[in-house]
PDB file of N, CA and C in Angstrom:
ATOM      1  N   MET A   1      15.955  -0.876  -7.335  1.00  0.00           N
ATOM      2  CA  MET A   1      15.814  -0.001  -6.192  1.00  0.00           C
ATOM      3  C   MET A   1      16.421  -0.694  -4.980  1.00  0.00           C
ATOM      4  N   SER A   2      17.064   0.072  -4.118  1.00  0.00           N
ATOM      5  CA  SER A   2      17.683  -0.500  -2.929  1.00  0.00           C
ATOM      6  C   SER A   2      16.626  -0.822  -1.876  1.00  0.00           C
ATOM      7  N   TYR A   3      17.034  -1.625  -0.904  1.00  0.00           N
ATOM      8  CA  TYR A   3      16.103  -1.985   0.175  1.00  0.00           C
ATOM      9  C   TYR A   3      15.666  -0.753   0.958  1.00  0.00           C
ATOM     10  N   LEU A   4      16.580   0.171   1.176  1.00  0.00           N
ATOM     11  CA  LEU A   4      16.239   1.392   1.904  1.00  0.00           C
ATOM     12  C   LEU A   4      15.201   2.207   1.137  1.00  0.00           C
ATOM     13  N   ALA A   5      15.341   2.268  -0.176  1.00  0.00           N
ATOM     14  CA  ALA A   5      14.365   2.994  -0.997  1.00  0.00           C
ATOM     15  C   ALA A   5      12.998   2.313  -0.942  1.00  0.00           C
ATOM     16  N   TRP A   6      12.987   0.962  -0.985  1.00  0.00           N
ATOM     17  CA  TRP A   6      11.711   0.238  -0.882  1.00  0.00           C
ATOM     18  C   TRP A   6      11.051   0.497   0.473  1.00  0.00           C
ATOM     19  N   ILE A   7      11.855   0.515   1.537  1.00  0.00           N
ATOM     20  CA  ILE A   7      11.296   0.761   2.869  1.00  0.00           C
ATOM     21  C   ILE A   7      10.757   2.179   2.955  1.00  0.00           C
ATOM     22  N   LEU A   8      11.494   3.146   2.421  1.00  0.00           N
ATOM     23  CA  LEU A   8      11.033   4.536   2.444  1.00  0.00           C
ATOM     24  C   LEU A   8       9.760   4.697   1.621  1.00  0.00           C
ATOM     25  N   LEU A   9       9.748   4.140   0.416  1.00  0.00           N
ATOM     26  CA  LEU A   9       8.546   4.201  -0.414  1.00  0.00           C
ATOM     27  C   LEU A   9       7.387   3.479   0.271  1.00  0.00           C
ATOM     28  N   GLY A  10       7.668   2.333   0.883  1.00  0.00           N
ATOM     29  CA  GLY A  10       6.636   1.585   1.589  1.00  0.00           C
ATOM     30  C   GLY A  10       6.075   2.333   2.776  1.00  0.00           C
ATOM     31  N   LEU A  11       6.944   3.006   3.523  1.00  0.00           N
ATOM     32  CA  LEU A  11       6.486   3.787   4.669  1.00  0.00           C
ATOM     33  C   LEU A  11       5.572   4.908   4.223  1.00  0.00           C
ATOM     34  N   LEU A  12       5.990   5.643   3.210  1.00  0.00           N
ATOM     35  CA  LEU A  12       5.165   6.748   2.717  1.00  0.00           C
ATOM     36  C   LEU A  12       3.838   6.249   2.137  1.00  0.00           C
ATOM     37  N   ALA A  13       3.905   5.222   1.299  1.00  0.00           N
ATOM     38  CA  ALA A  13       2.689   4.705   0.660  1.00  0.00           C
ATOM     39  C   ALA A  13       1.752   4.065   1.680  1.00  0.00           C
ATOM     40  N   GLY A  14       2.290   3.313   2.611  1.00  0.00           N
ATOM     41  CA  GLY A  14       1.455   2.686   3.638  1.00  0.00           C
ATOM     42  C   GLY A  14       0.805   3.707   4.544  1.00  0.00           C
ATOM     43  N   TYR A  15       1.561   4.735   4.921  1.00  0.00           N
ATOM     44  CA  TYR A  15       1.004   5.792   5.761  1.00  0.00           C
ATOM     45  C   TYR A  15      -0.108   6.524   5.021  1.00  0.00           C
ATOM     46  N   LEU A  16       0.154   6.899   3.768  1.00  0.00           N
ATOM     47  CA  LEU A  16      -0.874   7.588   2.991  1.00  0.00           C
ATOM     48  C   LEU A  16      -2.099   6.709   2.778  1.00  0.00           C
ATOM     49  N   GLY A  17      -1.878   5.434   2.473  1.00  0.00           N
ATOM     50  CA  GLY A  17      -2.998   4.518   2.260  1.00  0.00           C
ATOM     51  C   GLY A  17      -3.850   4.336   3.497  1.00  0.00           C
ATOM     52  N   SER A  18      -3.204   4.193   4.655  1.00  0.00           N
ATOM     53  CA  SER A  18      -3.990   4.016   5.879  1.00  0.00           C
ATOM     54  C   SER A  18      -4.660   5.318   6.296  1.00  0.00           C
ATOM     55  N   ARG A  19      -4.054   6.463   5.998  1.00  0.00           N
ATOM     56  CA  ARG A  19      -4.699   7.753   6.296  1.00  0.00           C
ATOM     57  C   ARG A  19      -5.903   7.984   5.389  1.00  0.00           C
ATOM     58  N   ILE A  20      -5.801   7.567   4.136  1.00  0.00           N
ATOM     59  CA  ILE A  20      -6.910   7.739   3.198  1.00  0.00           C
ATOM     60  C   ILE A  20      -8.099   6.888   3.617  1.00  0.00           C
ATOM     61  N   VAL A  21      -7.840   5.663   4.040  1.00  0.00           N
ATOM     62  CA  VAL A  21      -8.934   4.730   4.343  1.00  0.00           C
ATOM     63  C   VAL A  21      -9.527   4.969   5.723  1.00  0.00           C
ATOM     64  N   ASN A  22      -8.682   5.079   6.761  1.00  0.00           N
ATOM     65  CA  ASN A  22      -9.264   5.162   8.106  1.00  0.00           C
ATOM     66  C   ASN A  22      -8.826   6.388   8.899  1.00  0.00           C
ATOM     67  N   ARG A  23      -8.304   7.403   8.223  1.00  0.00           N
ATOM     68  CA  ARG A  23      -7.995   8.714   8.804  1.00  0.00           C
ATOM     69  C   ARG A  23      -6.891   8.715   9.856  1.00  0.00           C
ATOM     70  N   ARG A  24      -6.222   7.589  10.066  1.00  0.00           N
ATOM     71  CA  ARG A  24      -5.093   7.569  11.001  1.00  0.00           C
ATOM     72  C   ARG A  24      -4.127   6.481  10.548  1.00  0.00           C
ATOM     73  N   GLY A  25      -2.903   6.604  10.936  1.00  0.00           N
ATOM     74  CA  GLY A  25      -1.916   5.594  10.582  1.00  0.00           C
ATOM     75  C   GLY A  25      -2.165   4.313  11.355  1.00  0.00           C
ATOM     76  N   ALA A  26      -1.618   3.231  10.872  1.00  0.00           N
ATOM     77  CA  ALA A  26      -1.811   1.940  11.532  1.00  0.00           C
ATOM     78  C   ALA A  26      -0.578   1.519  12.316  1.00  0.00           C
ATOM     79  N   GLY A  27       0.384   2.396  12.466  1.00  0.00           N
ATOM     80  CA  GLY A  27       1.637   2.061  13.130  1.00  0.00           C
ATOM     81  C   GLY A  27       2.748   1.957  12.096  1.00  0.00           C
ATOM     82  N   VAL A  28       3.946   2.295  12.485  1.00  0.00           N
ATOM     83  CA  VAL A  28       5.052   2.378  11.535  1.00  0.00           C
ATOM     84  C   VAL A  28       5.305   1.037  10.846  1.00  0.00           C
ATOM     85  N   PHE A  29       5.415  -0.030  11.595  1.00  0.00           N
ATOM     86  CA  PHE A  29       5.718  -1.329  10.992  1.00  0.00           C
ATOM     87  C   PHE A  29       4.608  -1.777  10.042  1.00  0.00           C
ATOM     88  N   PHE A  30       3.368  -1.660  10.483  1.00  0.00           N
ATOM     89  CA  PHE A  30       2.240  -2.086   9.654  1.00  0.00           C
ATOM     90  C   PHE A  30       2.136  -1.214   8.406  1.00  0.00           C
ATOM     91  N   ASP A  31       2.414   0.097   8.547  1.00  0.00           N
ATOM     92  CA  ASP A  31       2.398   0.985   7.389  1.00  0.00           C
ATOM     93  C   ASP A  31       3.463   0.588   6.371  1.00  0.00           C
ATOM     94  N   ILE A  32       4.658   0.234   6.846  1.00  0.00           N
ATOM     95  CA  ILE A  32       5.726  -0.177   5.936  1.00  0.00           C
ATOM     96  C   ILE A  32       5.336  -1.466   5.212  1.00  0.00           C
ATOM     97  N   VAL A  33       4.820  -2.432   5.955  1.00  0.00           N
ATOM     98  CA  VAL A  33       4.430  -3.707   5.347  1.00  0.00           C
ATOM     99  C   VAL A  33       3.326  -3.491   4.312  1.00  0.00           C
ATOM    100  N   LEU A  34       2.311  -2.716   4.669  1.00  0.00           N
ATOM    101  CA  LEU A  34       1.233  -2.435   3.724  1.00  0.00           C
ATOM    102  C   LEU A  34       1.738  -1.672   2.508  1.00  0.00           C
ATOM    103  N   GLY A  35       2.646  -0.740   2.731  1.00  0.00           N
ATOM    104  CA  GLY A  35       3.158   0.053   1.623  1.00  0.00           C
ATOM    105  C   GLY A  35       4.003  -0.759   0.657  1.00  0.00           C
ATOM    106  N   VAL A  36       4.892  -1.598   1.178  1.00  0.00           N
ATOM    107  CA  VAL A  36       5.728  -2.420   0.302  1.00  0.00           C
ATOM    108  C   VAL A  36       4.861  -3.442  -0.434  1.00  0.00           C
ATOM    109  N   ALA A  37       3.951  -4.090   0.284  1.00  0.00           N
ATOM    110  CA  ALA A  37       3.033  -5.026  -0.375  1.00  0.00           C
ATOM    111  C   ALA A  37       2.140  -4.282  -1.367  1.00  0.00           C
ATOM    112  N   GLY A  38       1.723  -3.082  -0.997  1.00  0.00           N
ATOM    113  CA  GLY A  38       0.910  -2.261  -1.898  1.00  0.00           C
ATOM    114  C   GLY A  38       1.654  -1.878  -3.157  1.00  0.00           C
ATOM    115  N   ALA A  39       2.968  -1.664  -3.036  1.00  0.00           N
ATOM    116  CA  ALA A  39       3.772  -1.351  -4.214  1.00  0.00           C
ATOM    117  C   ALA A  39       3.760  -2.530  -5.190  1.00  0.00           C
ATOM    118  N   PHE A  40       3.858  -3.739  -4.666  1.00  0.00           N
ATOM    119  CA  PHE A  40       3.795  -4.917  -5.536  1.00  0.00           C
ATOM    120  C   PHE A  40       2.410  -5.075  -6.151  1.00  0.00           C
ATOM    121  N   VAL A  41       1.377  -4.936  -5.322  1.00  0.00           N
ATOM    122  CA  VAL A  41       0.003  -5.087  -5.818  1.00  0.00           C
ATOM    123  C   VAL A  41      -0.322  -3.982  -6.825  1.00  0.00           C
ATOM    124  N   GLY A  42      -0.015  -2.742  -6.463  1.00  0.00           N
ATOM    125  CA  GLY A  42      -0.287  -1.623  -7.360  1.00  0.00           C
ATOM    126  C   GLY A  42       0.497  -1.728  -8.649  1.00  0.00           C
ATOM    127  N   GLY A  43       1.784  -2.097  -8.550  1.00  0.00           N
ATOM    128  CA  GLY A  43       2.599  -2.260  -9.753  1.00  0.00           C
ATOM    129  C   GLY A  43       2.050  -3.337 -10.667  1.00  0.00           C
ATOM    130  N   PHE A  44       1.632  -4.451 -10.092  1.00  0.00           N
ATOM    131  CA  PHE A  44       1.057  -5.534 -10.878  1.00  0.00           C
ATOM    132  C   PHE A  44      -0.228  -5.083 -11.568  1.00  0.00           C
ATOM    133  N   LEU A  45      -1.128  -4.444 -10.804  1.00  0.00           N
ATOM    134  CA  LEU A  45      -2.406  -4.015 -11.384  1.00  0.00           C
ATOM    135  C   LEU A  45      -2.224  -2.942 -12.449  1.00  0.00           C
ATOM    136  N   PHE A  46      -1.326  -1.982 -12.188  1.00  0.00           N
ATOM    137  CA  PHE A  46      -1.093  -0.939 -13.177  1.00  0.00           C
ATOM    138  C   PHE A  46      -0.526  -1.529 -14.469  1.00  0.00           C
ATOM    139  N   GLN A  47       0.370  -2.508 -14.357  1.00  0.00           N
ATOM    140  CA  GLN A  47       0.924  -3.148 -15.553  1.00  0.00           C
ATOM    141  C   GLN A  47      -0.136  -3.942 -16.303  1.00  0.00           C
ATOM    142  N   GLN A  48      -1.077  -4.546 -15.583  1.00  0.00           N
ATOM    143  CA  GLN A  48      -2.148  -5.296 -16.231  1.00  0.00           C
ATOM    144  C   GLN A  48      -3.039  -4.394 -17.065  1.00  0.00           C
ATOM    145  N   PHE A  49      -3.150  -3.129 -16.655  1.00  0.00           N
ATOM    146  CA  PHE A  49      -3.975  -2.177 -17.386  1.00  0.00           C
ATOM    147  C   PHE A  49      -3.163  -1.328 -18.364  1.00  0.00           C
ATOM    148  N   GLY A  50      -1.896  -1.685 -18.566  1.00  0.00           N
ATOM    149  CA  GLY A  50      -1.086  -1.038 -19.586  1.00  0.00           C
ATOM    150  C   GLY A  50      -0.281   0.174 -19.128  1.00  0.00           C
ATOM    151  N   ALA A  51      -0.268   0.470 -17.859  1.00  0.00           N
ATOM    152  CA  ALA A  51       0.500   1.610 -17.350  1.00  0.00           C
ATOM    153  C   ALA A  51       1.795   1.102 -16.723  1.00  0.00           C
ATOM    154  N   ASN A  52       2.717   2.005 -16.452  1.00  0.00           N
ATOM    155  CA  ASN A  52       3.954   1.632 -15.766  1.00  0.00           C
ATOM    156  C   ASN A  52       3.662   1.336 -14.308  1.00  0.00           C
ATOM    157  N   GLY A  53       4.401   0.381 -13.769  1.00  0.00           N
ATOM    158  CA  GLY A  53       4.299   0.069 -12.346  1.00  0.00           C
ATOM    159  C   GLY A  53       5.269   0.931 -11.562  1.00  0.00           C
ATOM    160  N   VAL A  54       5.847   0.381 -10.535  1.00  0.00           N
ATOM    161  CA  VAL A  54       6.820   1.089  -9.723  1.00  0.00           C
ATOM    162  C   VAL A  54       8.109   1.191 -10.530  1.00  0.00           C
ATOM    163  N   THR A  55       8.581   2.427 -10.745  1.00  0.00           N
ATOM    164  CA  THR A  55       9.741   2.657 -11.605  1.00  0.00           C
ATOM    165  C   THR A  55      10.954   3.157 -10.849  1.00  0.00           C
ATOM    166  N   GLY A  56      10.850   3.397  -9.579  1.00  0.00           N
ATOM    167  CA  GLY A  56      11.953   3.919  -8.783  1.00  0.00           C
ATOM    168  C   GLY A  56      11.399   4.758  -7.646  1.00  0.00           C
ATOM    169  N   LEU A  57      12.237   5.540  -7.052  1.00  0.00           N
ATOM    170  CA  LEU A  57      11.798   6.398  -5.950  1.00  0.00           C
ATOM    171  C   LEU A  57      11.386   7.746  -6.534  1.00  0.00           C
ATOM    172  N   ASN A  58      10.127   7.813  -6.997  1.00  0.00           N
ATOM    173  CA  ASN A  58       9.610   9.033  -7.613  1.00  0.00           C
ATOM    174  C   ASN A  58       8.113   9.161  -7.314  1.00  0.00           C
ATOM    175  N   LEU A  59       7.525  10.248  -7.776  1.00  0.00           N
ATOM    176  CA  LEU A  59       6.120  10.526  -7.472  1.00  0.00           C
ATOM    177  C   LEU A  59       5.180   9.489  -8.085  1.00  0.00           C
ATOM    178  N   TRP A  60       5.466   9.049  -9.313  1.00  0.00           N
ATOM    179  CA  TRP A  60       4.615   8.038  -9.954  1.00  0.00           C
ATOM    180  C   TRP A  60       4.601   6.742  -9.146  1.00  0.00           C
ATOM    181  N   SER A  61       5.778   6.310  -8.711  1.00  0.00           N
ATOM    182  CA  SER A  61       5.864   5.083  -7.924  1.00  0.00           C
ATOM    183  C   SER A  61       5.129   5.225  -6.604  1.00  0.00           C
ATOM    184  N   LEU A  62       5.197   6.401  -5.999  1.00  0.00           N
ATOM    185  CA  LEU A  62       4.457   6.650  -4.759  1.00  0.00           C
ATOM    186  C   LEU A  62       2.958   6.555  -5.004  1.00  0.00           C
ATOM    187  N   LEU A  63       2.489   7.083  -6.122  1.00  0.00           N
ATOM    188  CA  LEU A  63       1.067   7.000  -6.468  1.00  0.00           C
ATOM    189  C   LEU A  63       0.642   5.551  -6.673  1.00  0.00           C
ATOM    190  N   VAL A  64       1.450   4.787  -7.402  1.00  0.00           N
ATOM    191  CA  VAL A  64       1.145   3.372  -7.660  1.00  0.00           C
ATOM    192  C   VAL A  64       1.126   2.588  -6.351  1.00  0.00           C
ATOM    193  N   ALA A  65       2.143   2.785  -5.521  1.00  0.00           N
ATOM    194  CA  ALA A  65       2.226   2.065  -4.249  1.00  0.00           C
ATOM    195  C   ALA A  65       1.107   2.466  -3.305  1.00  0.00           C
ATOM    196  N   THR A  66       0.740   3.742  -3.294  1.00  0.00           N
ATOM    197  CA  THR A  66      -0.356   4.200  -2.439  1.00  0.00           C
ATOM    198  C   THR A  66      -1.679   3.596  -2.892  1.00  0.00           C
ATOM    199  N   ALA A  67      -1.909   3.535  -4.196  1.00  0.00           N
ATOM    200  CA  ALA A  67      -3.137   2.907  -4.707  1.00  0.00           C
ATOM    201  C   ALA A  67      -3.205   1.444  -4.297  1.00  0.00           C
ATOM    202  N   GLY A  68      -2.094   0.752  -4.395  1.00  0.00           N
ATOM    203  CA  GLY A  68      -2.061  -0.647  -3.968  1.00  0.00           C
ATOM    204  C   GLY A  68      -2.265  -0.801  -2.477  1.00  0.00           C
ATOM    205  N   SER A  69      -1.686   0.098  -1.680  1.00  0.00           N
ATOM    206  CA  SER A  69      -1.853  -0.015  -0.235  1.00  0.00           C
ATOM    207  C   SER A  69      -3.276   0.340   0.191  1.00  0.00           C
ATOM    208  N   VAL A  70      -3.933   1.261  -0.522  1.00  0.00           N
ATOM    209  CA  VAL A  70      -5.342   1.551  -0.232  1.00  0.00           C
ATOM    210  C   VAL A  70      -6.182   0.299  -0.445  1.00  0.00           C
ATOM    211  N   LEU A  71      -5.928  -0.412  -1.538  1.00  0.00           N
ATOM    212  CA  LEU A  71      -6.658  -1.655  -1.785  1.00  0.00           C
ATOM    213  C   LEU A  71      -6.397  -2.680  -0.683  1.00  0.00           C
ATOM    214  N   LEU A  72      -5.145  -2.783  -0.241  1.00  0.00           N
ATOM    215  CA  LEU A  72      -4.819  -3.733   0.817  1.00  0.00           C
ATOM    216  C   LEU A  72      -5.443  -3.346   2.153  1.00  0.00           C
ATOM    217  N   VAL A  73      -5.462  -2.057   2.478  1.00  0.00           N
ATOM    218  CA  VAL A  73      -6.071  -1.616   3.740  1.00  0.00           C
ATOM    219  C   VAL A  73      -7.573  -1.889   3.717  1.00  0.00           C
ATOM    220  N   ILE A  74      -8.221  -1.632   2.596  1.00  0.00           N
ATOM    221  CA  ILE A  74      -9.653  -1.922   2.478  1.00  0.00           C
ATOM    222  C   ILE A  74      -9.906  -3.417   2.630  1.00  0.00           C
ATOM    223  N   ALA A  75      -9.093  -4.237   1.977  1.00  0.00           N
ATOM    224  CA  ALA A  75      -9.238  -5.690   2.101  1.00  0.00           C
ATOM    225  C   ALA A  75      -8.990  -6.146   3.533  1.00  0.00           C
ATOM    226  N   TYR A  76      -7.972  -5.591   4.188  1.00  0.00           N
ATOM    227  CA  TYR A  76      -7.661  -5.937   5.572  1.00  0.00           C
ATOM    228  C   TYR A  76      -8.835  -5.620   6.501  1.00  0.00           C
ATOM    229  N   HIS A  77      -9.404  -4.430   6.360  1.00  0.00           N
ATOM    230  CA  HIS A  77     -10.528  -4.050   7.221  1.00  0.00           C
ATOM    231  C   HIS A  77     -11.770  -4.884   6.922  1.00  0.00           C
ATOM    232  N   THR A  78     -11.968  -5.249   5.670  1.00  0.00           N
ATOM    233  CA  THR A  78     -13.111  -6.091   5.308  1.00  0.00           C
ATOM    234  C   THR A  78     -12.973  -7.471   5.933  1.00  0.00           C
ATOM    235  N   VAL A  79     -11.795  -8.060   5.814  1.00  0.00           N
ATOM    236  CA  VAL A  79     -11.560  -9.390   6.404  1.00  0.00           C
ATOM    237  C   VAL A  79     -11.659  -9.321   7.919  1.00  0.00           C
ATOM    238  N   ARG A  80     -11.145  -8.274   8.492  1.00  0.00           N
ATOM    239  CA  ARG A  80     -11.183  -8.124   9.951  1.00  0.00           C
ATOM    240  C   ARG A  80     -12.623  -7.978  10.464  1.00  0.00           C
ATOM    241  N   ARG A  81     -13.451  -7.215   9.727  1.00  0.00           N
ATOM    242  CA  ARG A  81     -14.858  -7.058  10.124  1.00  0.00           C
ATOM    243  C   ARG A  81     -15.617  -8.360   9.982  1.00  0.00           C
ATOM    244  N   VAL A  82     -15.395  -9.071   8.904  1.00  0.00           N
ATOM    245  CA  VAL A  82     -16.087 -10.345   8.677  1.00  0.00           C
ATOM    246  C   VAL A  82     -15.666 -11.344   9.752  1.00  0.00           C
ATOM    247  N   GLY A  83     -14.384 -11.376  10.079  1.00  0.00           N
ATOM    248  CA  GLY A  83     -13.893 -12.298  11.108  1.00  0.00           C
ATOM    249  C   GLY A  83     -14.449 -11.983  12.481  1.00  0.00           C
ATOM    250  N   SER A  84     -14.599 -10.706  12.810  1.00  0.00           N
ATOM    251  CA  SER A  84     -15.104 -10.346  14.138  1.00  0.00           C
ATOM    252  C   SER A  84     -16.623 -10.504  14.237  1.00  0.00           C
ATOM    253  N   SER A  85     -17.334 -10.453  13.099  1.00  0.00           N
ATOM    254  CA  SER A  85     -18.794 -10.613  13.157  1.00  0.00           C
ATOM    255  C   SER A  85     -19.200 -12.075  13.251  1.00  0.00           C
ATOM    256  N   GLU A  86     -18.285 -13.003  12.942  1.00  0.00           N
ATOM    257  CA  GLU A  86     -18.620 -14.419  13.007  1.00  0.00           C
ATOM    258  C   GLU A  86     -18.499 -14.986  14.404  1.00  0.00           C
ATOM    259  N   ARG A  87     -17.943 -14.241  15.314  1.00  0.00           N
ATOM    260  CA  ARG A  87     -17.743 -14.759  16.692  1.00  0.00           C
ATOM    261  C   ARG A  87     -18.975 -14.660  17.509  1.00  0.00           C
TER     262      ARG A  87
END
């Protein structure tokens, strides 16, 4: 997949993941970063359970990347809450 396709998939997956978790986007750059990282995390986890990971710019890959970005957004908010409660 080209870099532009990864960025587009990352933007869509990150936006969807942040909308699912906290009902609003986290900003374009943060959504792209979460989405691309989510694509790697989701692809890895899906392969560990015997399913296909990210296969290209298609609906399945968007689902995999969105699932990974949801996990990352939840982890991010958990770490952020724990860090702010320790102060």
